[in-house]
């Protein structure tokens, strides 16, 4: 139930599957691109992985070492927040005190999600910082 903006961060662009905590765990390559573990294992050749985005080659010891690449904790956090929103918004829409607490929690989770997405947006290298700050205030 991710928005179009979130899809970029929670979906593997190779297989188009949503990341998860198991076989589709988002792994960060040394070039900083993220690919799910299943796709990484599929492109692992001769103890190296060529990034499917930038083609930078990275040496890795073996299939077990592919699992040791760092997880993209931001993507996992966004998935967790999305799941919490789904769970909380499936409650019946009434205005009693218990549901008020859940609605308040959903608002807080949404704010946390927005902060997580903001951290993932990196300025292009050729944009002056003063212009980037103005762009960020619009987002």
C-alpha atoms as a PDB file:
ATOM      1  CA  UNK A   1       0.000   0.000   0.000  1.00  0.00           C
ATOM      2  CA  UNK A   2       2.932   2.276  -0.661  1.00  0.00           C
ATOM      3  CA  UNK A   3       2.555   5.549  -2.549  1.00  0.00           C
ATOM      4  CA  UNK A   4       4.343   6.094  -5.845  1.00  0.00           C
ATOM      5  CA  UNK A   5       7.162   7.942  -4.058  1.00  0.00           C
ATOM      6  CA  UNK A   6       7.587   5.178  -1.485  1.00  0.00           C
ATOM      7  CA  UNK A   7       7.557   2.438  -4.149  1.00  0.00           C
ATOM      8  CA  UNK A   8      11.001   3.534  -5.288  1.00  0.00           C
ATOM      9  CA  UNK A   9      12.382   2.893  -1.807  1.00  0.00           C
ATOM     10  CA  UNK A  10      10.540  -0.315  -0.885  1.00  0.00           C
ATOM     11  CA  UNK A  11      10.587  -2.164  -4.219  1.00  0.00           C
ATOM     12  CA  UNK A  12      13.501  -3.899  -5.920  1.00  0.00           C
ATOM     13  CA  UNK A  13      13.819  -2.307  -9.359  1.00  0.00           C
ATOM     14  CA  UNK A  14      15.202  -5.536 -10.789  1.00  0.00           C
ATOM     15  CA  UNK A  15      12.373  -7.980  -9.949  1.00  0.00           C
ATOM     16  CA  UNK A  16       9.749  -5.319  -9.057  1.00  0.00           C
ATOM     17  CA  UNK A  17       8.982  -7.168  -5.794  1.00  0.00           C
ATOM     18  CA  UNK A  18       8.502  -5.381  -2.493  1.00  0.00           C
ATOM     19  CA  UNK A  19      11.383  -5.848  -0.078  1.00  0.00           C
ATOM     20  CA  UNK A  20      10.803  -7.976   3.026  1.00  0.00           C
ATOM     21  CA  UNK A  21      12.716  -9.418   5.991  1.00  0.00           C
ATOM     22  CA  UNK A  22      13.387 -12.739   4.258  1.00  0.00           C
ATOM     23  CA  UNK A  23      14.607 -13.499   0.724  1.00  0.00           C
ATOM     24  CA  UNK A  24      13.807 -10.031  -0.583  1.00  0.00           C
ATOM     25  CA  UNK A  25      15.823  -8.219   2.102  1.00  0.00           C
ATOM     26  CA  UNK A  26      17.175  -4.928   0.668  1.00  0.00           C
ATOM     27  CA  UNK A  27      20.969  -5.069   0.462  1.00  0.00           C
ATOM     28  CA  UNK A  28      23.212  -2.051  -0.119  1.00  0.00           C
ATOM     29  CA  UNK A  29      26.059  -2.518  -2.584  1.00  0.00           C
ATOM     30  CA  UNK A  30      29.403  -0.680  -2.127  1.00  0.00           C
ATOM     31  CA  UNK A  31      28.250   1.785  -4.832  1.00  0.00           C
ATOM     32  CA  UNK A  32      25.244   2.632  -2.567  1.00  0.00           C
ATOM     33  CA  UNK A  33      22.569   1.124  -4.841  1.00  0.00           C
ATOM     34  CA  UNK A  34      20.023  -1.232  -3.243  1.00  0.00           C
ATOM     35  CA  UNK A  35      18.978  -4.623  -4.636  1.00  0.00           C
ATOM     36  CA  UNK A  36      17.057  -7.456  -2.970  1.00  0.00           C
ATOM     37  CA  UNK A  37      19.008 -10.463  -1.719  1.00  0.00           C
ATOM     38  CA  UNK A  38      17.342 -12.834  -4.204  1.00  0.00           C
ATOM     39  CA  UNK A  39      18.379 -10.691  -7.184  1.00  0.00           C
ATOM     40  CA  UNK A  40      21.895 -10.267  -5.763  1.00  0.00           C
ATOM     41  CA  UNK A  41      22.291 -14.017  -5.541  1.00  0.00           C
ATOM     42  CA  UNK A  42      21.152 -14.240  -9.171  1.00  0.00           C
ATOM     43  CA  UNK A  43      23.764 -11.764 -10.448  1.00  0.00           C
ATOM     44  CA  UNK A  44      26.620 -13.115  -8.318  1.00  0.00           C
ATOM     45  CA  UNK A  45      29.344 -14.390 -10.691  1.00  0.00           C
ATOM     46  CA  UNK A  46      33.014 -15.310 -10.130  1.00  0.00           C
ATOM     47  CA  UNK A  47      33.036 -13.991  -6.537  1.00  0.00           C
ATOM     48  CA  UNK A  48      31.875 -10.563  -7.760  1.00  0.00           C
ATOM     49  CA  UNK A  49      28.679  -8.599  -8.244  1.00  0.00           C
ATOM     50  CA  UNK A  50      28.274  -6.053 -11.024  1.00  0.00           C
ATOM     51  CA  UNK A  51      25.752  -3.444  -9.907  1.00  0.00           C
ATOM     52  CA  UNK A  52      22.776  -3.651 -12.265  1.00  0.00           C
ATOM     53  CA  UNK A  53      22.450   0.155 -12.185  1.00  0.00           C
ATOM     54  CA  UNK A  54      25.989   1.548 -12.526  1.00  0.00           C
ATOM     55  CA  UNK A  55      27.890  -1.669 -13.412  1.00  0.00           C
ATOM     56  CA  UNK A  56      30.466  -1.085 -10.662  1.00  0.00           C
ATOM     57  CA  UNK A  57      31.987  -4.455  -9.837  1.00  0.00           C
ATOM     58  CA  UNK A  58      32.412  -5.491  -6.204  1.00  0.00           C
ATOM     59  CA  UNK A  59      34.338  -8.526  -4.990  1.00  0.00           C
ATOM     60  CA  UNK A  60      32.442 -10.774  -2.601  1.00  0.00           C
ATOM     61  CA  UNK A  61      33.713 -14.034  -1.072  1.00  0.00           C
ATOM     62  CA  UNK A  62      30.712 -16.255  -1.834  1.00  0.00           C
ATOM     63  CA  UNK A  63      26.939 -16.636  -1.591  1.00  0.00           C
ATOM     64  CA  UNK A  64      27.147 -16.481   2.207  1.00  0.00           C
ATOM     65  CA  UNK A  65      29.063 -13.201   1.965  1.00  0.00           C
ATOM     66  CA  UNK A  66      26.303 -11.725  -0.216  1.00  0.00           C
ATOM     67  CA  UNK A  67      24.045 -12.127   2.825  1.00  0.00           C
ATOM     68  CA  UNK A  68      26.576 -10.143   4.887  1.00  0.00           C
ATOM     69  CA  UNK A  69      26.195  -6.998   2.757  1.00  0.00           C
ATOM     70  CA  UNK A  70      24.515  -4.272   4.829  1.00  0.00           C
ATOM     71  CA  UNK A  71      20.738  -4.041   4.828  1.00  0.00           C
ATOM     72  CA  UNK A  72      19.047  -0.857   3.673  1.00  0.00           C
ATOM     73  CA  UNK A  73      17.647   0.022   7.099  1.00  0.00           C
ATOM     74  CA  UNK A  74      15.682   2.989   5.714  1.00  0.00           C
ATOM     75  CA  UNK A  75      13.749   0.743   3.307  1.00  0.00           C
ATOM     76  CA  UNK A  76      13.050  -1.774   6.089  1.00  0.00           C
ATOM     77  CA  UNK A  77      11.880   1.044   8.374  1.00  0.00           C
ATOM     78  CA  UNK A  78       9.502   2.385   5.714  1.00  0.00           C
ATOM     79  CA  UNK A  79       8.069  -1.116   5.226  1.00  0.00           C
ATOM     80  CA  UNK A  80       7.538  -1.450   8.973  1.00  0.00           C
ATOM     81  CA  UNK A  81       5.787   1.932   9.151  1.00  0.00           C
ATOM     82  CA  UNK A  82       3.582   1.053   6.176  1.00  0.00           C
ATOM     83  CA  UNK A  83       2.561  -2.193   7.883  1.00  0.00           C
ATOM     84  CA  UNK A  84       1.707  -0.327  11.087  1.00  0.00           C
ATOM     85  CA  UNK A  85      -0.426   2.133   9.117  1.00  0.00           C
ATOM     86  CA  UNK A  86      -2.281  -0.723   7.409  1.00  0.00           C
ATOM     87  CA  UNK A  87      -2.922  -2.442  10.744  1.00  0.00           C
ATOM     88  CA  UNK A  88      -4.123   0.717  12.444  1.00  0.00           C
ATOM     89  CA  UNK A  89      -6.301   1.981   9.608  1.00  0.00           C
ATOM     90  CA  UNK A  90      -8.197  -1.310   9.329  1.00  0.00           C
ATOM     91  CA  UNK A  91      -9.859  -0.591  12.665  1.00  0.00           C
ATOM     92  CA  UNK A  92     -13.496   0.369  12.521  1.00  0.00           C
ATOM     93  CA  UNK A  93     -13.964   4.114  12.027  1.00  0.00           C
ATOM     94  CA  UNK A  94     -15.536   5.230  15.297  1.00  0.00           C
ATOM     95  CA  UNK A  95     -14.774   8.146  17.569  1.00  0.00           C
ATOM     96  CA  UNK A  96     -14.373   6.478  20.953  1.00  0.00           C
ATOM     97  CA  UNK A  97     -11.301   7.059  23.158  1.00  0.00           C
ATOM     98  CA  UNK A  98      -9.560   3.824  22.121  1.00  0.00           C
ATOM     99  CA  UNK A  99      -9.763   4.633  18.420  1.00  0.00           C
ATOM    100  CA  UNK A 100      -8.649   8.209  19.058  1.00  0.00           C
ATOM    101  CA  UNK A 101      -5.381   6.725  20.376  1.00  0.00           C
ATOM    102  CA  UNK A 102      -5.003   4.635  17.205  1.00  0.00           C
ATOM    103  CA  UNK A 103      -5.735   7.582  14.926  1.00  0.00           C
ATOM    104  CA  UNK A 104      -3.144   9.666  16.772  1.00  0.00           C
ATOM    105  CA  UNK A 105      -0.659   6.780  16.374  1.00  0.00           C
ATOM    106  CA  UNK A 106      -1.329   6.604  12.603  1.00  0.00           C
ATOM    107  CA  UNK A 107      -0.630  10.339  12.314  1.00  0.00           C
ATOM    108  CA  UNK A 108       2.667   9.897  14.200  1.00  0.00           C
ATOM    109  CA  UNK A 109       3.653   6.943  12.009  1.00  0.00           C
ATOM    110  CA  UNK A 110       2.884   9.006   8.896  1.00  0.00           C
ATOM    111  CA  UNK A 111       5.106  11.805  10.172  1.00  0.00           C
ATOM    112  CA  UNK A 112       7.886   9.317  10.899  1.00  0.00           C
ATOM    113  CA  UNK A 113       7.516   7.889   7.392  1.00  0.00           C
ATOM    114  CA  UNK A 114       7.850  11.369   5.899  1.00  0.00           C
ATOM    115  CA  UNK A 115      11.062  11.931   7.873  1.00  0.00           C
ATOM    116  CA  UNK A 116      12.462   8.575   6.682  1.00  0.00           C
ATOM    117  CA  UNK A 117      11.704   9.406   3.056  1.00  0.00           C
ATOM    118  CA  UNK A 118      13.303  12.834   3.453  1.00  0.00           C
ATOM    119  CA  UNK A 119      16.573  11.197   4.602  1.00  0.00           C
ATOM    120  CA  UNK A 120      16.694   9.090   1.433  1.00  0.00           C
ATOM    121  CA  UNK A 121      16.585  12.053  -0.924  1.00  0.00           C
ATOM    122  CA  UNK A 122      20.159  12.964  -1.833  1.00  0.00           C
ATOM    123  CA  UNK A 123      20.995  16.175  -3.691  1.00  0.00           C
ATOM    124  CA  UNK A 124      22.517  15.827  -7.162  1.00  0.00           C
ATOM    125  CA  UNK A 125      26.230  16.742  -6.995  1.00  0.00           C
ATOM    126  CA  UNK A 126      25.977  19.792  -9.274  1.00  0.00           C
ATOM    127  CA  UNK A 127      23.220  21.690  -7.406  1.00  0.00           C
ATOM    128  CA  UNK A 128      24.397  24.481  -5.066  1.00  0.00           C
ATOM    129  CA  UNK A 129      23.419  23.855  -1.404  1.00  0.00           C
ATOM    130  CA  UNK A 130      21.347  27.060  -1.194  1.00  0.00           C
ATOM    131  CA  UNK A 131      19.124  25.929  -4.078  1.00  0.00           C
ATOM    132  CA  UNK A 132      18.855  22.394  -2.634  1.00  0.00           C
ATOM    133  CA  UNK A 133      17.612  23.795   0.713  1.00  0.00           C
ATOM    134  CA  UNK A 134      14.917  25.794  -1.110  1.00  0.00           C
ATOM    135  CA  UNK A 135      13.865  22.644  -3.017  1.00  0.00           C
ATOM    136  CA  UNK A 136      13.663  20.689   0.248  1.00  0.00           C
ATOM    137  CA  UNK A 137      11.345  23.263   1.799  1.00  0.00           C
ATOM    138  CA  UNK A 138       8.910  22.693  -1.099  1.00  0.00           C
ATOM    139  CA  UNK A 139       8.981  18.891  -0.688  1.00  0.00           C
END
